[in-house]
C-alpha atoms as a PDB file:
ATOM      1  CA  MET A   1      11.839 -44.640  13.723  1.00  0.00           C
ATOM      2  CA  LYS A   2      14.757 -43.268  11.725  1.00  0.00           C
ATOM      3  CA  GLY A   3      12.512 -42.429   8.862  1.00  0.00           C
ATOM      4  CA  ALA A   4      10.220 -40.354  11.123  1.00  0.00           C
ATOM      5  CA  GLY A   5      13.164 -37.993  12.032  1.00  0.00           C
ATOM      6  CA  LEU A   6      13.898 -37.385   8.310  1.00  0.00           C
ATOM      7  CA  THR A   7      10.249 -36.686   7.572  1.00  0.00           C
ATOM      8  CA  ILE A   8      10.198 -33.992  10.337  1.00  0.00           C
ATOM      9  CA  ALA A   9      13.504 -32.418   9.143  1.00  0.00           C
ATOM     10  CA  VAL A  10      12.179 -32.318   5.438  1.00  0.00           C
ATOM     11  CA  GLY A  11       8.957 -30.701   6.658  1.00  0.00           C
ATOM     12  CA  ALA A  12      10.727 -28.084   8.707  1.00  0.00           C
ATOM     13  CA  LEU A  13      12.982 -27.278   5.664  1.00  0.00           C
ATOM     14  CA  LEU A  14       9.922 -26.801   3.387  1.00  0.00           C
ATOM     15  CA  LEU A  15       8.212 -24.633   5.808  1.00  0.00           C
ATOM     16  CA  ALA A  16      11.523 -22.416   6.157  1.00  0.00           C
ATOM     17  CA  VAL A  17      11.777 -22.136   2.368  1.00  0.00           C
ATOM     18  CA  GLY A  18       8.164 -21.377   1.774  1.00  0.00           C
ATOM     19  CA  SER A  19       8.249 -17.833   2.730  1.00  0.00           C
ATOM     20  CA  ALA A  20      11.098 -15.200   2.108  1.00  0.00           C
ATOM     21  CA  PRO A  21      12.595 -13.543   5.154  1.00  0.00           C
ATOM     22  CA  ALA A  22      11.833  -9.793   5.548  1.00  0.00           C
ATOM     23  CA  ALA A  23      15.590  -9.102   4.731  1.00  0.00           C
ATOM     24  CA  ASP A  24      15.127 -10.680   1.175  1.00  0.00           C
ATOM     25  CA  LYS A  25      12.108  -8.609   0.382  1.00  0.00           C
ATOM     26  CA  ALA A  26      12.441  -5.492  -1.778  1.00  0.00           C
ATOM     27  CA  LYS A  27      12.001  -2.079  -0.239  1.00  0.00           C
ATOM     28  CA  THR A  28       9.063  -0.108  -1.524  1.00  0.00           C
ATOM     29  CA  SER A  29       8.690   3.725  -1.305  1.00  0.00           C
ATOM     30  CA  LEU A  30       5.161   5.020  -1.333  1.00  0.00           C
ATOM     31  CA  TYR A  31       4.303   8.703  -1.875  1.00  0.00           C
ATOM     32  CA  PHE A  32       0.965  10.496  -1.221  1.00  0.00           C
ATOM     33  CA  THR A  33       1.081  13.544  -3.546  1.00  0.00           C
ATOM     34  CA  ASP A  34      -2.503  15.014  -3.591  1.00  0.00           C
ATOM     35  CA  ALA A  35      -5.892  14.778  -2.067  1.00  0.00           C
ATOM     36  CA  TYR A  36      -8.849  17.121  -2.790  1.00  0.00           C
ATOM     37  CA  PRO A  37     -12.605  17.299  -3.369  1.00  0.00           C
ATOM     38  CA  THR A  38     -13.882  16.992  -6.902  1.00  0.00           C
ATOM     39  CA  GLY A  39     -17.389  17.893  -6.103  1.00  0.00           C
ATOM     40  CA  PRO A  40     -19.783  18.060  -3.028  1.00  0.00           C
ATOM     41  CA  ASN A  41     -19.885  14.139  -2.976  1.00  0.00           C
ATOM     42  CA  SER A  42     -16.705  13.122  -4.612  1.00  0.00           C
ATOM     43  CA  SER A  43     -12.981  13.110  -3.913  1.00  0.00           C
ATOM     44  CA  TYR A  44      -9.642  12.339  -5.586  1.00  0.00           C
ATOM     45  CA  TYR A  45      -6.388  10.891  -4.139  1.00  0.00           C
ATOM     46  CA  GLU A  46      -3.127  10.262  -5.930  1.00  0.00           C
ATOM     47  CA  GLY A  47       0.478   9.336  -5.363  1.00  0.00           C
ATOM     48  CA  SER A  48       3.286   7.164  -6.624  1.00  0.00           C
ATOM     49  CA  ILE A  49       5.172   4.045  -5.711  1.00  0.00           C
ATOM     50  CA  ALA A  50       8.769   2.994  -6.430  1.00  0.00           C
ATOM     51  CA  SER A  51      10.890  -0.085  -5.904  1.00  0.00           C
ATOM     52  CA  ALA A  52      13.981  -1.636  -7.469  1.00  0.00           C
ATOM     53  CA  LYS A  53      11.753  -4.690  -8.031  1.00  0.00           C
ATOM     54  CA  LYS A  54       9.142  -4.027 -10.751  1.00  0.00           C
ATOM     55  CA  ALA A  55       6.653  -6.528  -9.070  1.00  0.00           C
ATOM     56  CA  CYS A  56       6.700  -4.199  -5.995  1.00  0.00           C
ATOM     57  CA  ALA A  57       5.705  -1.149  -7.952  1.00  0.00           C
ATOM     58  CA  ASN A  58       3.481  -2.381 -10.776  1.00  0.00           C
ATOM     59  CA  ASP A  59      -0.079  -3.411 -10.069  1.00  0.00           C
ATOM     60  CA  ARG A  60       0.511  -2.977  -6.284  1.00  0.00           C
ATOM     61  CA  LYS A  61      -2.486  -2.651  -4.088  1.00  0.00           C
ATOM     62  CA  VAL A  62      -2.721   0.652  -2.179  1.00  0.00           C
ATOM     63  CA  THR A  63      -5.340   1.424   0.441  1.00  0.00           C
ATOM     64  CA  VAL A  64      -6.176   4.864   1.641  1.00  0.00           C
ATOM     65  CA  PHE A  65      -7.364   5.624   5.199  1.00  0.00           C
ATOM     66  CA  VAL A  66      -8.439   8.867   6.782  1.00  0.00           C
ATOM     67  CA  THR A  67      -8.011   9.721  10.556  1.00  0.00           C
ATOM     68  CA  LEU A  68     -10.627  12.032  11.901  1.00  0.00           C
ATOM     69  CA  GLY A  69      -9.936  12.776  15.554  1.00  0.00           C
ATOM     70  CA  ASP A  70      -9.190   9.498  17.122  1.00  0.00           C
ATOM     71  CA  GLN A  71     -11.107   7.373  14.450  1.00  0.00           C
ATOM     72  CA  LYS A  72      -9.481   5.817  11.433  1.00  0.00           C
ATOM     73  CA  GLN A  73     -11.721   4.962   8.326  1.00  0.00           C
ATOM     74  CA  LYS A  74     -10.961   3.201   5.173  1.00  0.00           C
ATOM     75  CA  VAL A  75     -11.572   5.469   2.140  1.00  0.00           C
ATOM     76  CA  GLY A  76     -10.911   2.846  -0.515  1.00  0.00           C
ATOM     77  CA  SER A  77      -8.371   0.810  -2.393  1.00  0.00           C
ATOM     78  CA  THR A  78      -6.807   0.985  -5.891  1.00  0.00           C
ATOM     79  CA  ARG A  79      -3.806  -0.559  -7.789  1.00  0.00           C
ATOM     80  CA  SER A  80      -0.748   1.184  -9.091  1.00  0.00           C
ATOM     81  CA  GLN A  81      -0.029   1.354 -12.741  1.00  0.00           C
ATOM     82  CA  LYS A  82       2.887   2.382 -15.059  1.00  0.00           C
ATOM     83  CA  ILE A  83       2.739   5.923 -16.401  1.00  0.00           C
ATOM     84  CA  GLY A  84       4.999   5.975 -19.480  1.00  0.00           C
ATOM     85  CA  ASN A  85       8.527   6.659 -18.431  1.00  0.00           C
ATOM     86  CA  LEU A  86       7.499   8.571 -15.362  1.00  0.00           C
ATOM     87  CA  GLY A  87       7.268   5.513 -13.131  1.00  0.00           C
ATOM     88  CA  TYR A  88       4.232   4.065 -11.304  1.00  0.00           C
ATOM     89  CA  GLU A  89       1.315   5.997  -9.923  1.00  0.00           C
ATOM     90  CA  TRP A  90      -1.876   5.156  -7.993  1.00  0.00           C
ATOM     91  CA  VAL A  91      -5.059   7.101  -8.294  1.00  0.00           C
ATOM     92  CA  LEU A  92      -8.300   6.753  -6.253  1.00  0.00           C
ATOM     93  CA  ASP A  93     -11.524   8.437  -7.337  1.00  0.00           C
ATOM     94  CA  GLN A  94     -14.253   8.153  -4.767  1.00  0.00           C
ATOM     95  CA  ASN A  95     -17.994   9.042  -4.744  1.00  0.00           C
ATOM     96  CA  GLU A  96     -17.716  10.076  -1.171  1.00  0.00           C
ATOM     97  CA  PRO A  97     -17.491  13.582   0.316  1.00  0.00           C
ATOM     98  CA  PHE A  98     -13.960  14.798   0.978  1.00  0.00           C
ATOM     99  CA  GLN A  99     -13.111  15.300   4.630  1.00  0.00           C
ATOM    100  CA  LYS A 100     -10.340  17.264   6.256  1.00  0.00           C
ATOM    101  CA  GLY A 101      -7.985  15.036   8.257  1.00  0.00           C
ATOM    102  CA  THR A 102      -4.820  13.018   7.995  1.00  0.00           C
ATOM    103  CA  TYR A 103      -4.833  10.570   5.090  1.00  0.00           C
ATOM    104  CA  THR A 104      -2.561   7.560   5.114  1.00  0.00           C
ATOM    105  CA  ALA A 105      -1.934   5.410   2.043  1.00  0.00           C
ATOM    106  CA  LYS A 106      -0.629   1.752   2.675  1.00  0.00           C
ATOM    107  CA  ALA A 107       0.882  -0.816   0.414  1.00  0.00           C
ATOM    108  CA  PRO A 108       0.758  -4.120   2.209  1.00  0.00           C
ATOM    109  CA  GLU A 109       3.634  -6.523   2.533  1.00  0.00           C
ATOM    110  CA  THR A 110       3.704  -9.289  -0.238  1.00  0.00           C
ATOM    111  CA  ASP A 111       5.862 -12.382  -0.632  1.00  0.00           C
ATOM    112  CA  LYS A 112       8.461 -10.396  -2.506  1.00  0.00           C
ATOM    113  CA  CYS A 113       7.902  -6.764  -1.185  1.00  0.00           C
ATOM    114  CA  LYS A 114       8.281  -4.897   2.120  1.00  0.00           C
ATOM    115  CA  PRO A 115       5.234  -2.840   3.204  1.00  0.00           C
ATOM    116  CA  ALA A 116       5.134   0.898   2.722  1.00  0.00           C
ATOM    117  CA  LYS A 117       3.089   3.779   3.922  1.00  0.00           C
ATOM    118  CA  ALA A 118       2.788   7.598   3.348  1.00  0.00           C
ATOM    119  CA  SER A 119       0.654  10.324   5.007  1.00  0.00           C
ATOM    120  CA  TYR A 120      -0.917  13.427   3.686  1.00  0.00           C
ATOM    121  CA  GLY A 121      -2.588  16.116   5.876  1.00  0.00           C
ATOM    122  CA  VAL A 122      -5.533  18.243   4.865  1.00  0.00           C
ATOM    123  CA  SER A 123      -6.970  21.242   6.705  1.00  0.00           C
ATOM    124  CA  TRP A 124      -8.914  24.290   5.553  1.00  0.00           C
ATOM    125  CA  ARG A 125     -11.362  26.926   6.795  1.00  0.00           C
ATOM    126  CA  SER A 126     -14.676  27.053   5.142  1.00  0.00           C
ATOM    127  CA  GLY A 127     -16.597  30.173   4.364  1.00  0.00           C
END
């Protein structure tokens, strides 16, 4: 029976080492800088992402949502990319009509990075 206790202890140690604690994950800052219609049935969204850890800014998935009243809808997803010496940006071009509302961009948590989100409000009067 002594061997069984050692197997359980090693299994628990492997489980604990398998995922990094949230405190060890790098902070990520996400910015939502623009959103506008590019035509009657198309829209454009952009922002930037920054982190001390390159893996948390480069090629990071960013998903954009819009809140209309009390309903939240997914607009689409994209990945960030390095733009020369300017840092990392994300751009989302959609073949969907642009809607006024509150937009939220989210970069999900990864094994090395903390999650991040940013909002952008859009309102206008037509006519």
